[in-house]
Amino acid sequence: MDGEPAELPYAVLYPLGGTPAATPFVDSWAEATLTYQVTVVARRMDQAEWLADRVRRAVLQRTASGAWVNGLEASGLYVWARRQLADDGFDSESAKDCVVSGAQRFQFSVTG
C-alpha cells in the first residue's frame, strides 16, 4: 500500500503462540493448541461490531450438519477443533478519537 494507512474498518490477525502436546510434533498424532487474536479497527461502533461479528462467523459458524462453514487449511496440519477464548469488547475511549478497536482471541487444536 506504499506506506498509506489502510481504509477503516479492518482487522489484524496476531499469532499468540501455542502449546504443544507432550509428544514430539514430528509424531503424526502429536497435537498442539494455537492461539490467535483478531483486532478490529473502525471509525464507528456499529462498523466495529459488524466486522467483529463477521470475524466470529468466519471462524466459528457451522452448517446444519455440524461441519465448519469455512475450512482452515494449514500445510501438514489438521485443524480438528476451534473455539473463542475471549471477546474483549470495544475500547469506548478510543471512539473519542474517531477510532474504535476491539479484540477477540481464538484457539485452534491441530494434529500434525
C-alpha atoms as a PDB file:
ATOM      1  CA  MET A   1       0.000   0.000   0.000  1.00  0.00           C
ATOM      2  CA  ASP A   2       3.008   2.265  -0.483  1.00  0.00           C
ATOM      3  CA  GLY A   3       3.079   3.469   3.116  1.00  0.00           C
ATOM      4  CA  GLU A   4      -0.545   4.616   3.060  1.00  0.00           C
ATOM      5  CA  PRO A   5      -2.756   3.728   6.041  1.00  0.00           C
ATOM      6  CA  ALA A   6      -5.419   1.064   5.484  1.00  0.00           C
ATOM      7  CA  GLU A   7      -9.002   2.172   4.991  1.00  0.00           C
ATOM      8  CA  LEU A   8     -11.254   1.644   8.013  1.00  0.00           C
ATOM      9  CA  PRO A   9     -12.722  -0.755   9.022  1.00  0.00           C
ATOM     10  CA  TYR A  10     -10.103  -3.503   9.026  1.00  0.00           C
ATOM     11  CA  ALA A  11      -8.972  -6.478  11.100  1.00  0.00           C
ATOM     12  CA  VAL A  12      -5.450  -7.504  12.097  1.00  0.00           C
ATOM     13  CA  LEU A  13      -4.519 -11.126  12.852  1.00  0.00           C
ATOM     14  CA  TYR A  14      -1.863 -11.741  15.522  1.00  0.00           C
ATOM     15  CA  PRO A  15      -0.428 -15.183  16.321  1.00  0.00           C
ATOM     16  CA  LEU A  16      -0.096 -15.531  20.109  1.00  0.00           C
ATOM     17  CA  GLY A  17       1.774 -18.817  20.152  1.00  0.00           C
ATOM     18  CA  GLY A  18       0.752 -22.286  21.103  1.00  0.00           C
ATOM     19  CA  THR A  19       1.127 -25.195  23.441  1.00  0.00           C
ATOM     20  CA  PRO A  20       2.421 -28.472  22.030  1.00  0.00           C
ATOM     21  CA  ALA A  21       1.278 -31.773  23.442  1.00  0.00           C
ATOM     22  CA  ALA A  22       3.699 -33.943  25.386  1.00  0.00           C
ATOM     23  CA  THR A  23       4.634 -35.951  22.286  1.00  0.00           C
ATOM     24  CA  PRO A  24       7.099 -34.602  19.698  1.00  0.00           C
ATOM     25  CA  PHE A  25       5.323 -32.704  16.920  1.00  0.00           C
ATOM     26  CA  VAL A  26       7.024 -34.876  14.294  1.00  0.00           C
ATOM     27  CA  ASP A  27       4.759 -37.679  15.503  1.00  0.00           C
ATOM     28  CA  SER A  28       1.801 -37.847  13.098  1.00  0.00           C
ATOM     29  CA  TRP A  29      -0.587 -37.952  16.075  1.00  0.00           C
ATOM     30  CA  ALA A  30       1.007 -35.098  18.000  1.00  0.00           C
ATOM     31  CA  GLU A  31      -1.305 -32.262  18.968  1.00  0.00           C
ATOM     32  CA  ALA A  32      -0.893 -28.568  19.616  1.00  0.00           C
ATOM     33  CA  THR A  33      -3.127 -25.709  20.636  1.00  0.00           C
ATOM     34  CA  LEU A  34      -2.592 -22.482  18.706  1.00  0.00           C
ATOM     35  CA  THR A  35      -3.976 -19.111  19.805  1.00  0.00           C
ATOM     36  CA  TYR A  36      -4.657 -16.103  17.590  1.00  0.00           C
ATOM     37  CA  GLN A  37      -6.017 -12.636  18.272  1.00  0.00           C
ATOM     38  CA  VAL A  38      -8.063 -10.645  15.786  1.00  0.00           C
ATOM     39  CA  THR A  39      -8.145  -6.911  16.453  1.00  0.00           C
ATOM     40  CA  VAL A  40     -10.917  -4.964  14.730  1.00  0.00           C
ATOM     41  CA  VAL A  41     -10.388  -1.255  13.991  1.00  0.00           C
ATOM     42  CA  ALA A  42     -13.195   1.008  12.739  1.00  0.00           C
ATOM     43  CA  ARG A  43     -14.443   4.606  12.724  1.00  0.00           C
ATOM     44  CA  ARG A  44     -17.732   3.875  14.454  1.00  0.00           C
ATOM     45  CA  MET A  45     -19.025   1.371  16.985  1.00  0.00           C
ATOM     46  CA  ASP A  46     -21.548  -0.114  14.527  1.00  0.00           C
ATOM     47  CA  GLN A  47     -18.764  -0.763  11.994  1.00  0.00           C
ATOM     48  CA  ALA A  48     -16.605  -2.417  14.662  1.00  0.00           C
ATOM     49  CA  GLU A  49     -19.473  -4.613  15.845  1.00  0.00           C
ATOM     50  CA  TRP A  50     -20.332  -5.585  12.246  1.00  0.00           C
ATOM     51  CA  LEU A  51     -16.747  -6.577  11.451  1.00  0.00           C
ATOM     52  CA  ALA A  52     -16.281  -8.438  14.762  1.00  0.00           C
ATOM     53  CA  ASP A  53     -19.451 -10.432  14.010  1.00  0.00           C
ATOM     54  CA  ARG A  54     -18.119 -11.297  10.559  1.00  0.00           C
ATOM     55  CA  VAL A  55     -14.811 -12.485  12.031  1.00  0.00           C
ATOM     56  CA  ARG A  56     -16.612 -14.613  14.632  1.00  0.00           C
ATOM     57  CA  ARG A  57     -18.867 -16.198  11.997  1.00  0.00           C
ATOM     58  CA  ALA A  58     -15.933 -16.801   9.641  1.00  0.00           C
ATOM     59  CA  VAL A  59     -14.105 -18.744  12.353  1.00  0.00           C
ATOM     60  CA  LEU A  60     -16.913 -20.462  14.265  1.00  0.00           C
ATOM     61  CA  GLN A  61     -20.021 -20.790  12.080  1.00  0.00           C
ATOM     62  CA  ARG A  62     -21.244 -24.312  11.318  1.00  0.00           C
ATOM     63  CA  THR A  63     -23.675 -25.755   8.822  1.00  0.00           C
ATOM     64  CA  ALA A  64     -26.874 -27.538   9.891  1.00  0.00           C
ATOM     65  CA  SER A  65     -24.962 -30.838   9.691  1.00  0.00           C
ATOM     66  CA  GLY A  66     -22.271 -29.556  12.081  1.00  0.00           C
ATOM     67  CA  ALA A  67     -19.496 -29.029   9.516  1.00  0.00           C
ATOM     68  CA  TRP A  68     -17.495 -25.806   9.636  1.00  0.00           C
ATOM     69  CA  VAL A  69     -18.723 -23.264   7.084  1.00  0.00           C
ATOM     70  CA  ASN A  70     -15.137 -22.116   6.451  1.00  0.00           C
ATOM     71  CA  GLY A  71     -12.417 -24.722   6.392  1.00  0.00           C
ATOM     72  CA  LEU A  72      -8.988 -23.881   7.775  1.00  0.00           C
ATOM     73  CA  GLU A  73      -6.035 -25.299   5.917  1.00  0.00           C
ATOM     74  CA  ALA A  74      -2.509 -25.339   7.271  1.00  0.00           C
ATOM     75  CA  SER A  75       0.227 -27.242   5.468  1.00  0.00           C
ATOM     76  CA  GLY A  76       0.834 -30.568   7.201  1.00  0.00           C
ATOM     77  CA  LEU A  77      -1.750 -29.923   9.930  1.00  0.00           C
ATOM     78  CA  TYR A  78      -5.338 -30.960  10.537  1.00  0.00           C
ATOM     79  CA  VAL A  79      -7.411 -28.404  12.447  1.00  0.00           C
ATOM     80  CA  TRP A  80      -9.813 -30.537  14.475  1.00  0.00           C
ATOM     81  CA  ALA A  81     -11.261 -28.034  16.961  1.00  0.00           C
ATOM     82  CA  ARG A  82     -11.699 -24.301  17.348  1.00  0.00           C
ATOM     83  CA  ARG A  83     -13.250 -22.032  19.923  1.00  0.00           C
ATOM     84  CA  GLN A  84     -13.416 -18.445  21.005  1.00  0.00           C
ATOM     85  CA  LEU A  85     -11.344 -17.792  24.121  1.00  0.00           C
ATOM     86  CA  ALA A  86     -12.191 -14.147  24.710  1.00  0.00           C
ATOM     87  CA  ASP A  87     -14.040 -11.151  23.376  1.00  0.00           C
ATOM     88  CA  ASP A  88     -12.641  -8.031  24.993  1.00  0.00           C
ATOM     89  CA  GLY A  89     -15.393  -5.784  23.652  1.00  0.00           C
ATOM     90  CA  PHE A  90     -14.574  -2.357  22.276  1.00  0.00           C
ATOM     91  CA  ASP A  91     -12.476   0.487  23.582  1.00  0.00           C
ATOM     92  CA  SER A  92     -15.018   3.281  24.027  1.00  0.00           C
ATOM     93  CA  GLU A  93     -12.271   5.746  24.985  1.00  0.00           C
ATOM     94  CA  SER A  94     -10.751   5.445  21.519  1.00  0.00           C
ATOM     95  CA  ALA A  95     -14.142   6.350  19.986  1.00  0.00           C
ATOM     96  CA  LYS A  96     -13.462   9.958  21.022  1.00  0.00           C
ATOM     97  CA  ASP A  97     -10.594   9.944  18.509  1.00  0.00           C
ATOM     98  CA  CYS A  98     -12.896   8.571  15.780  1.00  0.00           C
ATOM     99  CA  VAL A  99     -11.341   5.118  16.083  1.00  0.00           C
ATOM    100  CA  VAL A 100     -12.952   2.116  17.762  1.00  0.00           C
ATOM    101  CA  SER A 101     -10.971  -1.049  18.419  1.00  0.00           C
ATOM    102  CA  GLY A 102     -11.654  -4.396  19.998  1.00  0.00           C
ATOM    103  CA  ALA A 103     -10.003  -7.797  20.248  1.00  0.00           C
ATOM    104  CA  GLN A 104     -11.172 -11.394  20.064  1.00  0.00           C
ATOM    105  CA  ARG A 105      -8.990 -14.423  20.751  1.00  0.00           C
ATOM    106  CA  PHE A 106      -9.493 -17.820  19.166  1.00  0.00           C
ATOM    107  CA  GLN A 107      -7.911 -21.180  19.923  1.00  0.00           C
ATOM    108  CA  PHE A 108      -7.324 -23.924  17.370  1.00  0.00           C
ATOM    109  CA  SER A 109      -6.454 -27.527  18.167  1.00  0.00           C
ATOM    110  CA  VAL A 110      -4.327 -29.179  15.494  1.00  0.00           C
ATOM    111  CA  THR A 111      -2.802 -32.554  14.793  1.00  0.00           C
ATOM    112  CA  GLY A 112       0.454 -32.992  12.876  1.00  0.00           C
END
